[in-house]
Structures are given as C-alpha cells and as structure tokens.
Amino acid sequence: MKYLTSVYWERGSVARCNQDSLVVVQVMTAAGRVLMAAVCDGMGGLSQGERASGYVTRRLQEWFYESLLRAVRKKKSYWIIRRSLDRLVYDMQEQLSRYAKREQISLGTTMTVLVLWESSYLLWHLGDSRAYRLGAIYRGKGNGSEAECMTTDHVYGKNRLTKCVGSFGYERSDYKMGIVKPGQAFLLCSDGFRNCVDEPELADVLNPKAVETEEQAVRRLRAIGEACMKRGEKDNMSAIYIKAVK
C-alpha cells in the first residue's frame, strides 16, 4: 500500500500563535510501508499549549523510529505495538507533570495518532481533535461516500476537556484498529478545523475519488480552512489528509 499525504497548518485570524503541532512520517520496510500521523492541539486556556503539543509530537516521532519500526521488523503483534504507545503516553504524562510542577503552571494537549501498516490501521486518541475515515464506508447492505468520525470527543460542557496529555494525571488513550481499503482516506484534525463544517461537507470536499495528487489535497484542505475563517472560526486550524492507494 502507498499513501498520498498532505497537511494544513493555520494560525488563524486572531490567535497570537499556533498551538497545534503535526507530524507525518512514513518508511518503506521489508514488511511493507509504515506510516504514522498525529495531530496535537495545545490547550489554549492554559500556559504553553504549544510547548505541550510540540513535545508530544516530537516524542511520537522518536517512538516511530525507535520502537514502532523495530516492532515491525520483528513482526510483533498489534497488541505489543499498542502497549508500547500506551507506555509512551504514560511517560509523557509524567514528564509534563514534573515540568508543570517545577514551573508552577498547568499545560496539556490533545493527541490523535494514526498508524497505517499493511492493510490495517491503529488509532489512539485523547481529547477533542478528531479522526475521520473518508470514502466508501461499508456497512450492512450498502455503501456510500461519507465522512465517518472514528473518535469520541473527551469534553465536558462546551469546551472543557476531560482527557488529554498533560499535567492532570494519566489517562489511557482510546484505541481502535481496523482494515484499510485502497481508495479510502483518513483526516486527522484539530477542533478548529472542523467546528464550522459538517461531515457531509468534509465528505464532499475531501472525497478520495476527487483527490489524485498531494497538490489537490492541499488545495481542498485550504478551501475548508478558508471557509471556516469566513464563518467566524478563530481557533488554530490543523489537518492531515492521508489517502491509501495501490
């Protein structure tokens, strides 16, 4: 399987800085191509949200090269890979807690991580960033082109996060795995990117059948971001688009 990837990263019209962080890495191995993508949205109501999100994406990239690829080479089970990233989340939580205590602040970030390997996906999630599956979604008797939200928002009320990676104690990530079909696509995004659009719009603009190149994907992600700003979105906006191709 090969992957077409594109990213969108926008500070927005109001924010002083972009507290979102992104990472996309892929490597061809003897066991097939392996890709990892992650979106982390620093908590804007707290101190140093950009530091928290940047720290998590940096550690995830290190985990990809140091742990995930080694597990792939040794043909470790998906369960072993899941436990490996769970341990990383625990360690990041501890490190951020120590830093926050030392600096006498609170900080945190959402985390949505997607790993694609062979014909499978692995998904970890904390917070209110989201992952969508786009394209032909097979259910029961029929199928259609749609945007299927794969994650649950960990929020209380309107804006209060109930789970994140940060200085608030360990929370185990939601986890999901499944099959990847050629022609399907995935969207990982911060809440600012999807607050002002609905799932039918995402399905229409980001329909994998209409996206043949990375340049097309970039233009379509930018079109969504610009539409969000015109509709009044003031938050940072970040997104990663990944299409699986033969």
Protein backbone atom coordinates (compact mmCIF):
# COMPACT_ATOMS: atom_id res chain seq x y z
CA MET A 1 0.00 0.00 0.00
CA LYS A 2 1.17 3.54 -0.79
CA TYR A 3 -0.05 6.75 0.83
CA LEU A 4 -0.74 10.20 -0.56
CA THR A 5 -0.35 12.76 2.26
CA SER A 6 -0.97 16.49 2.70
CA VAL A 7 -1.08 18.85 5.67
CA TYR A 8 -2.75 22.14 6.59
CA TRP A 9 -1.48 24.33 9.47
CA GLU A 10 -3.02 27.76 10.04
CA ARG A 11 -2.66 30.15 12.99
CA GLY A 12 -5.99 31.78 12.20
CA SER A 13 -7.03 35.41 12.14
CA VAL A 14 -6.96 36.10 15.88
CA ALA A 15 -4.60 33.77 17.76
CA ARG A 16 -1.17 35.04 18.76
CA CYS A 17 0.47 31.74 17.83
CA ASN A 18 -0.46 28.30 16.56
CA GLN A 19 -0.61 25.89 19.50
CA ASP A 20 -1.27 22.90 17.22
CA SER A 21 1.52 20.53 16.24
CA LEU A 22 1.57 17.95 13.44
CA VAL A 23 3.78 15.06 12.44
CA VAL A 24 3.65 12.73 9.41
CA VAL A 25 6.37 10.13 8.79
CA GLN A 26 6.49 7.03 6.62
CA VAL A 27 9.16 4.45 5.86
CA MET A 28 9.32 1.55 3.44
CA THR A 29 10.41 -1.62 5.26
CA ALA A 30 10.86 -5.26 4.29
CA ALA A 31 7.47 -5.83 5.95
CA GLY A 32 5.75 -3.11 3.91
CA ARG A 33 5.26 0.63 4.16
CA VAL A 34 4.62 2.02 7.64
CA LEU A 35 3.09 5.47 8.23
CA MET A 36 2.41 7.43 11.39
CA ALA A 37 0.46 10.71 11.55
CA ALA A 38 -0.56 12.73 14.59
CA VAL A 39 -2.40 15.94 15.41
CA CYS A 40 -1.91 17.55 18.83
CA ASP A 41 -3.84 20.67 19.86
CA GLY A 42 -2.32 22.53 22.81
CA MET A 43 -4.88 23.66 25.37
CA GLY A 44 -5.29 27.36 24.68
CA GLY A 45 -6.70 28.25 28.08
CA LEU A 46 -3.54 27.10 29.81
CA SER A 47 0.11 28.10 29.75
CA GLN A 48 2.44 26.92 26.99
CA GLY A 49 -0.04 24.89 24.94
CA GLU A 50 2.36 24.97 22.01
CA ARG A 51 5.13 23.55 24.20
CA ALA A 52 2.94 20.62 25.26
CA SER A 53 1.79 19.79 21.70
CA GLY A 54 5.30 20.15 20.30
CA TYR A 55 6.73 17.92 23.00
CA VAL A 56 4.19 15.16 22.29
CA THR A 57 4.70 15.19 18.51
CA ARG A 58 8.47 15.10 18.99
CA ARG A 59 8.23 12.10 21.31
CA LEU A 60 5.84 10.36 18.90
CA GLN A 61 8.34 10.79 16.06
CA GLU A 62 11.07 9.30 18.24
CA TRP A 63 8.75 6.39 19.11
CA PHE A 64 8.10 5.77 15.41
CA TYR A 65 11.79 5.37 14.57
CA GLU A 66 13.00 3.76 17.78
CA SER A 67 10.11 1.46 18.77
CA LEU A 68 7.49 1.06 16.06
CA LEU A 69 9.85 0.23 13.20
CA ARG A 70 11.72 -2.23 15.42
CA ALA A 71 8.42 -3.93 16.31
CA VAL A 72 7.53 -4.12 12.61
CA ARG A 73 10.90 -5.65 11.70
CA LYS A 74 10.48 -8.27 14.44
CA LYS A 75 6.87 -8.93 13.36
CA LYS A 76 5.48 -8.09 16.77
CA SER A 77 1.73 -8.29 17.26
CA TYR A 78 -0.56 -5.26 17.14
CA TRP A 79 -1.17 -5.79 20.85
CA ILE A 80 2.54 -5.30 21.56
CA ILE A 81 2.56 -2.10 19.49
CA ARG A 82 -0.47 -0.81 21.36
CA ARG A 83 1.18 -1.43 24.71
CA SER A 84 4.32 0.32 23.50
CA LEU A 85 2.49 3.55 22.71
CA ASP A 86 0.43 3.32 25.90
CA ARG A 87 3.70 3.26 27.86
CA LEU A 88 4.90 6.30 25.90
CA VAL A 89 1.73 8.22 26.78
CA TYR A 90 2.24 7.39 30.46
CA ASP A 91 5.84 8.62 30.32
CA MET A 92 4.88 11.84 28.50
CA GLN A 93 2.20 12.47 31.15
CA GLU A 94 4.78 12.04 33.91
CA GLN A 95 7.30 14.33 32.22
CA LEU A 96 4.75 17.07 31.60
CA SER A 97 3.52 16.80 35.19
CA ARG A 98 7.06 17.24 36.53
CA TYR A 99 7.66 20.20 34.22
CA ALA A 100 4.37 21.83 35.25
CA LYS A 101 5.12 21.38 38.94
CA ARG A 102 8.59 22.87 38.53
CA GLU A 103 7.27 25.87 36.57
CA GLN A 104 4.10 26.16 38.70
CA ILE A 105 1.81 26.04 35.67
CA SER A 106 -0.77 23.74 34.08
CA LEU A 107 -0.44 22.59 30.48
CA GLY A 108 -1.81 19.94 28.20
CA THR A 109 -2.60 18.86 24.66
CA THR A 110 -4.96 16.63 22.75
CA MET A 111 -3.44 13.68 20.89
CA THR A 112 -4.82 11.78 17.89
CA VAL A 113 -2.38 9.25 16.40
CA LEU A 114 -2.89 7.05 13.34
CA VAL A 115 -0.57 4.22 12.29
CA LEU A 116 -1.03 2.51 8.91
CA TRP A 117 0.75 -0.73 8.21
CA GLU A 118 -0.01 -3.34 5.57
CA SER A 119 -3.82 -3.33 5.30
CA SER A 120 -4.51 -2.25 8.90
CA TYR A 121 -4.87 0.97 10.86
CA LEU A 122 -4.18 1.57 14.56
CA LEU A 123 -5.69 4.65 16.20
CA TRP A 124 -5.00 6.24 19.60
CA HIS A 125 -6.96 9.26 20.85
CA LEU A 126 -7.22 11.68 23.77
CA GLY A 127 -9.13 14.98 23.70
CA ASP A 128 -11.29 16.68 21.09
CA SER A 129 -9.14 16.51 18.00
CA ARG A 130 -10.71 14.04 15.59
CA ALA A 131 -10.00 11.29 13.08
CA TYR A 132 -12.35 10.68 10.13
CA ARG A 133 -12.43 7.90 7.57
CA LEU A 134 -13.41 9.14 4.12
CA GLY A 135 -14.62 7.32 1.05
CA ALA A 136 -16.52 4.08 0.61
CA ILE A 137 -17.66 3.01 4.07
CA TYR A 138 -19.10 -0.49 4.01
CA ARG A 139 -21.99 -1.18 6.35
CA GLY A 140 -24.61 -3.87 6.15
CA LYS A 141 -26.38 -3.99 2.81
CA GLY A 142 -24.90 -0.92 1.14
CA ASN A 143 -22.05 1.50 0.97
CA GLY A 144 -21.59 5.15 0.24
CA SER A 145 -19.19 8.05 0.16
CA GLU A 146 -19.13 9.70 3.56
CA ALA A 147 -17.05 11.01 6.42
CA GLU A 148 -17.14 8.65 9.37
CA CYS A 149 -15.93 10.11 12.67
CA MET A 150 -13.73 7.46 14.28
CA THR A 151 -13.12 9.21 17.63
CA THR A 152 -15.11 10.36 20.65
CA ASP A 153 -14.68 13.92 21.93
CA HIS A 154 -13.49 13.90 25.54
CA VAL A 155 -15.23 17.08 26.64
CA TYR A 156 -17.50 18.27 29.43
CA GLY A 157 -19.92 21.02 28.58
CA LYS A 158 -18.85 23.19 25.67
CA ASN A 159 -15.08 23.45 25.88
CA ARG A 160 -13.72 21.67 28.95
CA LEU A 161 -11.52 18.69 28.10
CA THR A 162 -11.89 15.61 30.29
CA LYS A 163 -8.90 13.76 28.82
CA CYS A 164 -5.60 14.98 27.41
CA VAL A 165 -1.85 14.51 27.67
CA GLY A 166 -0.73 16.97 30.31
CA SER A 167 -0.26 17.86 33.94
CA PHE A 168 -3.55 16.36 35.20
CA GLY A 169 -2.77 12.70 35.80
CA TYR A 170 -2.59 9.71 33.48
CA GLU A 171 -5.48 8.89 31.13
CA ARG A 172 -5.29 5.81 28.94
CA SER A 173 -5.90 6.58 25.27
CA ASP A 174 -8.94 5.35 23.42
CA TYR A 175 -7.78 2.70 20.97
CA LYS A 176 -9.21 1.31 17.76
CA MET A 177 -7.94 -0.84 14.92
CA GLY A 178 -9.38 -1.95 11.60
CA ILE A 179 -8.89 -2.60 7.91
CA VAL A 180 -7.66 -0.10 5.32
CA LYS A 181 -9.00 -0.44 1.77
CA PRO A 182 -7.30 1.10 -1.29
CA GLY A 183 -9.10 4.30 -2.24
CA GLN A 184 -10.07 5.19 1.33
CA ALA A 185 -8.70 8.26 3.04
CA PHE A 186 -8.23 9.50 6.59
CA LEU A 187 -8.46 13.01 8.02
CA LEU A 188 -6.87 13.94 11.35
CA CYS A 189 -7.70 17.46 12.51
CA SER A 190 -7.87 19.84 15.45
CA ASP A 191 -11.27 21.11 16.60
CA GLY A 192 -10.71 24.47 14.92
CA PHE A 193 -10.62 22.81 11.51
CA ARG A 194 -13.98 21.03 11.90
CA ASN A 195 -16.03 23.31 14.20
CA CYS A 196 -17.66 25.21 11.33
CA VAL A 197 -18.12 22.36 8.83
CA ASP A 198 -20.29 19.28 9.00
CA GLU A 199 -19.49 15.73 7.96
CA PRO A 200 -21.30 15.90 4.59
CA GLU A 201 -19.14 18.89 3.64
CA LEU A 202 -15.98 17.06 4.63
CA ALA A 203 -17.10 14.01 2.65
CA ASP A 204 -17.80 16.13 -0.42
CA VAL A 205 -14.68 18.31 -0.45
CA LEU A 206 -12.27 15.54 0.62
CA ASN A 207 -13.83 12.67 -1.34
CA PRO A 208 -10.86 10.42 -2.17
CA LYS A 209 -12.21 9.81 -5.68
CA ALA A 210 -11.64 13.51 -6.45
CA VAL A 211 -8.14 13.66 -4.92
CA GLU A 212 -5.45 12.23 -7.19
CA THR A 213 -2.41 14.29 -6.14
CA GLU A 214 -0.99 15.84 -2.99
CA GLU A 215 -1.43 19.29 -4.55
CA GLN A 216 -5.16 18.66 -4.96
CA ALA A 217 -5.39 17.56 -1.33
CA VAL A 218 -3.59 20.71 -0.17
CA ARG A 219 -5.98 22.95 -2.14
CA ARG A 220 -9.02 21.18 -0.71
CA LEU A 221 -7.74 21.38 2.87
CA ARG A 222 -7.03 25.07 2.35
CA ALA A 223 -10.54 25.61 0.96
CA ILE A 224 -12.05 24.14 4.12
CA GLY A 225 -9.81 26.27 6.34
CA GLU A 226 -10.68 29.47 4.47
CA ALA A 227 -14.39 28.62 4.65
CA CYS A 228 -14.09 28.12 8.41
CA MET A 229 -12.48 31.53 8.87
CA LYS A 230 -15.20 33.19 6.78
CA ARG A 231 -17.78 31.53 9.04
CA GLY A 232 -16.17 33.03 12.13
CA GLU A 233 -13.71 30.37 13.31
CA LYS A 234 -11.00 31.98 15.45
CA ASP A 235 -9.12 28.94 16.69
CA ASN A 236 -5.94 27.44 15.25
CA MET A 237 -6.65 25.01 12.40
CA SER A 238 -4.58 21.95 11.57
CA ALA A 239 -5.27 18.86 9.49
CA ILE A 240 -3.56 15.85 7.91
CA TYR A 241 -5.05 14.08 4.89
CA ILE A 242 -3.94 10.56 4.01
CA LYS A 243 -5.20 8.54 1.06
CA ALA A 244 -4.38 4.86 0.64
CA VAL A 245 -3.54 3.89 -2.93
CA LYS A 246 -2.43 0.62 -4.53
